[in-house]
Amino acid sequence: MSTATKNEHGRIARIAAINIGVALTVVTLKYIAYAVSGSVALFSDALESIVNVMTAIAAFSAIRLSAKPADADHPFGHYKAEFLAAMFEGAMIAVAAVLIMIKAYSGLVNGVELAHPGLGLAINVLSTVINAGWAWAMIKWGTNWRSPALVADGKHLFTDVITSVGVVIALIVAILTGWTILDPLIAAVVATHILFMGYNIATESMSRLMDQAASPDIEGRIRGVIEANGHGALEAHDIRTRQAGRALFIEFHLVVPGTMTVDDAHVICDRLENSIEQSIEGSEVVIHVEPEYKAKPEESGAVPL
């Protein structure tokens, strides 16, 4: 693992550790807001934030595990641990949605009595501002550093922000109109929304665990680098990619003249590997050399050189 990669892992791990502290702070504020107001909607907000703490710990553990170097049992590294954490987050969001639905149903059946909604609202707004800023930062850092766990956690926090906005709206309307039934109703609506958000996070992570290919833009860049640096060879075909956490594994067949020496073919392979890995950060390249009778037509997707 290069020094730059180690530094990147270190930054990601530090952000994940700070995330646990932020989650604990926010859940404390939201529980206080619920305790002083008695609002079902604020309860739903606090409950989802408890899930935030659990998923923050899971993300931190996965990031630490994914940073471990490859070993005999895991020759391709431990990068996919981050996708497992993202799947866990999706599942926890779904659990929170179900629990909120149960509380909302109880509120609809038995009614809700709001004690100090104004104070609860003020505390909730403070926690929402903290969450919104931190979620934006997590997604930005996770995208820049190619960390699925940070991105998933950031998206999860945005569901918490959406929940909080819904809660604020519900409480303001309930206070102004006296329609306290709006409190459990908005909690049910928000629970439905975060249920779908959890589903999307889980399915996206499942797709990545099943070796999802790189985006068309990345694959186009790979083909461009091969065309620009493959002189001496005849063509490249069967280009395949798979994303695993922050690593992108790339493999393809390189067709060379039958009379070319192994040394010359090796020089071309080294040039291509270095060029691709410099152009596509986090990429790891494997090239299989073939003689010219193995060439494939351009219509099959081959890259002529």
Protein backbone atom coordinates (compact mmCIF):
# COMPACT_ATOMS: atom_id res chain seq x y z
CA MET A 1 0.00 0.00 0.00
CA SER A 2 1.47 3.38 -1.03
CA THR A 3 2.10 6.19 1.44
CA ALA A 4 -0.64 8.29 -0.22
CA THR A 5 -3.12 5.43 0.12
CA LYS A 6 -2.20 4.93 3.77
CA ASN A 7 -2.72 8.63 4.44
CA GLU A 8 -6.10 8.46 2.73
CA HIS A 9 -7.12 5.47 4.86
CA GLY A 10 -6.01 7.40 7.94
CA ARG A 11 -8.12 10.43 7.02
CA ILE A 12 -11.18 8.28 6.38
CA ALA A 13 -10.75 6.44 9.69
CA ARG A 14 -10.44 9.74 11.59
CA ILE A 15 -13.63 11.09 9.99
CA ALA A 16 -15.45 7.85 10.84
CA ALA A 17 -14.29 8.14 14.47
CA ILE A 18 -15.45 11.77 14.71
CA ASN A 19 -18.75 10.67 13.18
CA ILE A 20 -19.44 8.50 16.24
CA GLY A 21 -19.01 11.52 18.51
CA VAL A 22 -21.27 13.67 16.33
CA ALA A 23 -23.94 10.94 16.30
CA LEU A 24 -23.85 10.67 20.11
CA THR A 25 -24.18 14.45 20.47
CA VAL A 26 -27.14 14.63 18.10
CA VAL A 27 -29.03 11.70 19.65
CA THR A 28 -28.63 13.27 23.09
CA LEU A 29 -30.08 16.57 21.87
CA LYS A 30 -32.98 14.85 20.12
CA TYR A 31 -33.86 12.71 23.10
CA ILE A 32 -33.94 15.84 25.29
CA ALA A 33 -36.23 17.44 22.70
CA TYR A 34 -38.58 14.44 22.87
CA ALA A 35 -38.46 14.27 26.68
CA VAL A 36 -39.46 17.93 27.17
CA SER A 37 -42.20 17.91 24.51
CA GLY A 38 -43.75 14.43 24.47
CA SER A 39 -43.95 14.62 20.67
CA VAL A 40 -44.25 11.33 18.74
CA ALA A 41 -42.55 12.97 15.77
CA LEU A 42 -39.62 14.01 17.96
CA PHE A 43 -39.50 10.47 19.33
CA SER A 44 -39.21 9.16 15.77
CA ASP A 45 -36.39 11.59 15.13
CA ALA A 46 -34.54 10.50 18.28
CA LEU A 47 -35.02 6.83 17.41
CA GLU A 48 -33.49 7.24 13.98
CA SER A 49 -30.54 9.03 15.56
CA ILE A 50 -29.93 6.03 17.84
CA VAL A 51 -29.60 4.02 14.63
CA ASN A 52 -27.11 6.66 13.46
CA VAL A 53 -24.87 5.82 16.41
CA MET A 54 -25.01 2.10 15.63
CA THR A 55 -24.25 2.59 11.94
CA ALA A 56 -21.45 5.08 12.72
CA ILE A 57 -19.76 2.41 14.83
CA ALA A 58 -20.30 -0.18 12.06
CA ALA A 59 -18.85 2.18 9.44
CA PHE A 60 -15.78 2.90 11.58
CA SER A 61 -15.16 -0.84 12.08
CA ALA A 62 -15.57 -1.56 8.36
CA ILE A 63 -13.22 1.26 7.36
CA ARG A 64 -10.56 -0.03 9.75
CA LEU A 65 -10.98 -3.55 8.34
CA SER A 66 -10.89 -2.40 4.71
CA ALA A 67 -7.54 -0.69 5.37
CA LYS A 68 -5.86 -4.00 6.17
CA PRO A 69 -3.40 -5.07 3.47
CA ALA A 70 -4.00 -8.13 1.33
CA ASP A 71 -3.01 -11.44 2.90
CA ALA A 72 -2.96 -15.15 2.00
CA ASP A 73 -6.66 -15.56 2.74
CA HIS A 74 -7.69 -12.27 1.11
CA PRO A 75 -5.29 -11.73 -1.81
CA PHE A 76 -7.43 -8.92 -3.25
CA GLY A 77 -7.58 -7.02 0.05
CA HIS A 78 -10.46 -6.26 2.42
CA TYR A 79 -12.02 -3.37 0.49
CA LYS A 80 -15.52 -4.84 0.33
CA ALA A 81 -15.94 -4.53 4.10
CA GLU A 82 -17.19 -0.99 3.46
CA PHE A 83 -20.04 -2.30 1.30
CA LEU A 84 -21.09 -4.61 4.13
CA ALA A 85 -21.27 -1.60 6.46
CA ALA A 86 -23.38 0.28 3.94
CA MET A 87 -25.78 -2.69 3.69
CA PHE A 88 -26.02 -2.78 7.49
CA GLU A 89 -26.91 0.91 7.48
CA GLY A 90 -29.71 0.29 4.99
CA ALA A 91 -31.08 -2.49 7.18
CA MET A 92 -30.92 -0.35 10.33
CA ILE A 93 -32.77 2.48 8.61
CA ALA A 94 -35.53 0.02 7.71
CA VAL A 95 -35.73 -1.18 11.33
CA ALA A 96 -36.01 2.41 12.55
CA ALA A 97 -38.81 3.07 10.06
CA VAL A 98 -40.81 0.11 11.37
CA LEU A 99 -40.37 1.19 15.01
CA ILE A 100 -41.44 4.73 14.13
CA MET A 101 -44.54 3.36 12.39
CA ILE A 102 -45.46 1.47 15.56
CA LYS A 103 -45.09 4.60 17.69
CA ALA A 104 -47.04 6.68 15.17
CA TYR A 105 -49.89 4.15 15.18
CA SER A 106 -50.00 4.30 18.97
CA GLY A 107 -50.19 8.09 18.80
CA LEU A 108 -53.02 7.99 16.28
CA VAL A 109 -55.03 5.54 18.39
CA ASN A 110 -54.36 6.96 21.85
CA GLY A 111 -53.76 10.61 20.99
CA VAL A 112 -50.78 12.83 21.76
CA GLU A 113 -50.40 15.50 24.43
CA LEU A 114 -47.67 18.02 23.68
CA ALA A 115 -46.01 19.45 26.82
CA HIS A 116 -43.42 22.08 25.78
CA PRO A 117 -43.35 21.83 21.97
CA GLY A 118 -41.62 25.19 21.50
CA LEU A 119 -38.58 24.16 23.55
CA GLY A 120 -38.49 20.74 21.92
CA LEU A 121 -38.67 22.39 18.50
CA ALA A 122 -35.72 24.70 19.27
CA ILE A 123 -33.52 21.82 20.46
CA ASN A 124 -34.48 19.77 17.40
CA VAL A 125 -33.59 22.61 15.03
CA LEU A 126 -30.13 22.85 16.61
CA SER A 127 -29.50 19.11 16.16
CA THR A 128 -30.79 19.31 12.57
CA VAL A 129 -28.32 22.06 11.66
CA ILE A 130 -25.46 19.98 13.09
CA ASN A 131 -26.61 16.89 11.17
CA ALA A 132 -27.08 18.72 7.86
CA GLY A 133 -23.59 20.22 7.91
CA TRP A 134 -21.96 16.96 8.93
CA ALA A 135 -23.90 14.90 6.35
CA TRP A 136 -22.80 17.25 3.56
CA ALA A 137 -19.18 16.98 4.68
CA MET A 138 -19.33 13.16 4.95
CA ILE A 139 -20.67 12.75 1.40
CA LYS A 140 -18.11 15.20 0.01
CA TRP A 141 -15.17 13.49 1.73
CA GLY A 142 -16.50 9.99 0.98
CA THR A 143 -16.84 10.83 -2.72
CA ASN A 144 -13.41 12.46 -2.96
CA TRP A 145 -11.72 9.57 -1.13
CA ARG A 146 -13.83 6.81 -2.78
CA SER A 147 -15.23 5.54 0.53
CA PRO A 148 -18.65 3.83 0.17
CA ALA A 149 -19.03 3.66 3.95
CA LEU A 150 -18.62 7.44 4.40
CA VAL A 151 -20.96 8.19 1.49
CA ALA A 152 -23.61 5.76 2.81
CA ASP A 153 -23.34 7.25 6.29
CA GLY A 154 -23.68 10.76 4.86
CA LYS A 155 -26.78 9.77 2.89
CA HIS A 156 -28.18 8.14 6.00
CA LEU A 157 -27.66 11.37 7.93
CA PHE A 158 -29.52 13.25 5.20
CA THR A 159 -32.52 10.98 5.83
CA ASP A 160 -32.26 12.11 9.44
CA VAL A 161 -32.23 15.74 8.28
CA ILE A 162 -35.34 15.13 6.16
CA THR A 163 -36.99 13.50 9.16
CA SER A 164 -36.16 16.51 11.31
CA VAL A 165 -37.51 18.97 8.75
CA GLY A 166 -40.77 17.00 8.67
CA VAL A 167 -40.90 17.05 12.45
CA VAL A 168 -40.35 20.82 12.56
CA ILE A 169 -43.15 21.40 10.06
CA ALA A 170 -45.50 19.08 11.96
CA LEU A 171 -44.87 20.75 15.30
CA ILE A 172 -45.23 24.28 13.93
CA VAL A 173 -48.57 23.40 12.30
CA ALA A 174 -49.73 21.49 15.39
CA ILE A 175 -48.84 24.42 17.67
CA LEU A 176 -50.57 26.98 15.45
CA THR A 177 -53.73 24.95 14.82
CA GLY A 178 -53.98 22.76 17.90
CA TRP A 179 -54.30 19.69 15.64
CA THR A 180 -52.03 17.37 17.61
CA ILE A 181 -53.02 14.45 15.39
CA LEU A 182 -50.63 15.89 12.81
CA ASP A 183 -47.74 14.88 15.07
CA PRO A 184 -48.08 11.07 14.63
CA LEU A 185 -49.26 11.49 11.02
CA ILE A 186 -46.09 13.28 9.94
CA ALA A 187 -44.03 10.69 11.82
CA ALA A 188 -45.68 7.94 9.72
CA VAL A 189 -45.01 9.83 6.48
CA VAL A 190 -41.36 10.36 7.37
CA ALA A 191 -41.00 6.68 8.34
CA THR A 192 -42.21 5.69 4.88
CA HIS A 193 -39.68 7.98 3.25
CA ILE A 194 -36.68 6.72 5.22
CA LEU A 195 -37.79 3.13 4.58
CA PHE A 196 -37.31 3.72 0.85
CA MET A 197 -34.00 5.47 1.50
CA GLY A 198 -32.76 2.46 3.46
CA TYR A 199 -33.85 0.16 0.63
CA ASN A 200 -31.90 2.22 -1.92
CA ILE A 201 -28.71 2.20 0.17
CA ALA A 202 -28.93 -1.56 0.74
CA THR A 203 -29.60 -2.44 -2.92
CA GLU A 204 -26.78 -0.20 -4.17
CA SER A 205 -24.36 -1.85 -1.75
CA MET A 206 -25.56 -5.32 -2.81
CA SER A 207 -24.86 -4.42 -6.43
CA ARG A 208 -21.31 -3.37 -5.51
CA LEU A 209 -20.76 -6.59 -3.56
CA MET A 210 -21.69 -8.49 -6.73
CA ASP A 211 -18.74 -6.88 -8.57
CA GLN A 212 -20.54 -4.02 -10.28
CA ALA A 213 -18.56 -2.62 -13.21
CA ALA A 214 -17.10 0.88 -13.22
CA SER A 215 -19.17 3.73 -14.64
CA PRO A 216 -19.24 4.25 -18.44
CA ASP A 217 -17.18 7.41 -17.94
CA ILE A 218 -14.41 5.52 -16.11
CA GLU A 219 -14.45 2.71 -18.66
CA GLY A 220 -14.16 5.29 -21.46
CA ARG A 221 -11.12 6.81 -19.73
CA ILE A 222 -9.55 3.35 -19.44
CA ARG A 223 -9.99 2.71 -23.17
CA GLY A 224 -8.52 6.14 -23.93
CA VAL A 225 -5.41 5.44 -21.84
CA ILE A 226 -4.96 2.06 -23.54
CA GLU A 227 -5.21 3.67 -27.00
CA ALA A 228 -2.69 6.39 -26.06
CA ASN A 229 -0.10 4.09 -24.48
CA GLY A 230 -0.49 0.72 -26.19
CA HIS A 231 1.76 1.39 -29.19
CA GLY A 232 3.71 -1.71 -30.17
CA ALA A 233 0.74 -4.00 -29.46
CA LEU A 234 -2.06 -4.78 -31.93
CA GLU A 235 -5.22 -4.48 -29.84
CA ALA A 236 -6.80 -4.86 -26.42
CA HIS A 237 -10.05 -6.72 -25.83
CA ASP A 238 -12.23 -8.28 -23.11
CA ILE A 239 -11.77 -5.19 -20.91
CA ARG A 240 -13.44 -5.87 -17.58
CA THR A 241 -13.71 -3.83 -14.39
CA ARG A 242 -15.07 -4.38 -10.89
CA GLN A 243 -15.35 -1.92 -8.04
CA ALA A 244 -14.36 -3.05 -4.53
CA GLY A 245 -14.52 -0.22 -2.01
CA ARG A 246 -11.91 2.38 -2.98
CA ALA A 247 -10.14 -0.10 -5.31
CA LEU A 248 -11.00 -0.56 -8.99
CA PHE A 249 -9.75 -3.82 -10.47
CA ILE A 250 -9.14 -3.71 -14.24
CA GLU A 251 -8.18 -6.61 -16.47
CA PHE A 252 -7.94 -7.08 -20.22
CA HIS A 253 -6.24 -9.13 -22.94
CA LEU A 254 -3.45 -7.49 -24.94
CA VAL A 255 -2.75 -8.88 -28.41
CA VAL A 256 0.87 -8.53 -29.62
CA PRO A 257 2.67 -9.68 -32.78
CA GLY A 258 3.59 -13.36 -32.67
CA THR A 259 7.24 -12.53 -33.28
CA MET A 260 7.49 -10.11 -30.34
CA THR A 261 9.80 -11.16 -27.52
CA VAL A 262 8.56 -11.62 -23.97
CA ASP A 263 10.77 -8.70 -22.88
CA ASP A 264 9.18 -6.32 -25.40
CA ALA A 265 5.65 -7.43 -24.48
CA HIS A 266 6.50 -6.92 -20.82
CA VAL A 267 7.66 -3.35 -21.50
CA ILE A 268 4.31 -2.54 -23.13
CA CYS A 269 2.39 -4.09 -20.24
CA ASP A 270 4.38 -2.11 -17.68
CA ARG A 271 3.74 1.11 -19.63
CA LEU A 272 -0.01 0.43 -19.80
CA GLU A 273 -0.29 -0.57 -16.14
CA ASN A 274 1.56 2.54 -14.95
CA SER A 275 -0.43 4.85 -17.23
CA ILE A 276 -3.80 3.44 -16.19
CA GLU A 277 -2.97 3.45 -12.47
CA GLN A 278 -1.79 7.06 -12.69
CA SER A 279 -4.90 8.13 -14.62
CA ILE A 280 -7.48 6.14 -12.59
CA GLU A 281 -6.73 6.61 -8.89
CA GLY A 282 -7.09 3.43 -6.86
CA SER A 283 -6.94 1.14 -9.90
CA GLU A 284 -5.13 -2.19 -10.01
CA VAL A 285 -4.42 -3.61 -13.47
CA VAL A 286 -3.92 -7.17 -14.70
CA ILE A 287 -3.01 -7.79 -18.37
CA HIS A 288 -3.09 -11.13 -20.19
CA VAL A 289 -0.82 -11.18 -23.28
CA GLU A 290 -2.02 -13.09 -26.37
CA PRO A 291 -0.59 -13.76 -29.86
CA GLU A 292 -2.04 -12.00 -32.92
CA TYR A 293 -4.28 -14.90 -34.03
CA LYS A 294 -6.31 -14.25 -30.84
CA ALA A 295 -7.33 -10.81 -32.09
CA LYS A 296 -11.06 -9.99 -32.10
CA PRO A 297 -13.06 -7.72 -34.44
CA GLU A 298 -13.55 -4.10 -33.36
CA GLU A 299 -17.30 -4.70 -33.31
CA SER A 300 -16.77 -6.94 -30.26
CA GLY A 301 -15.50 -3.97 -28.27
CA ALA A 302 -11.78 -4.45 -28.97
CA VAL A 303 -9.49 -1.41 -28.87
CA PRO A 304 -7.25 -1.26 -31.99
CA LEU A 305 -3.71 -0.01 -31.33
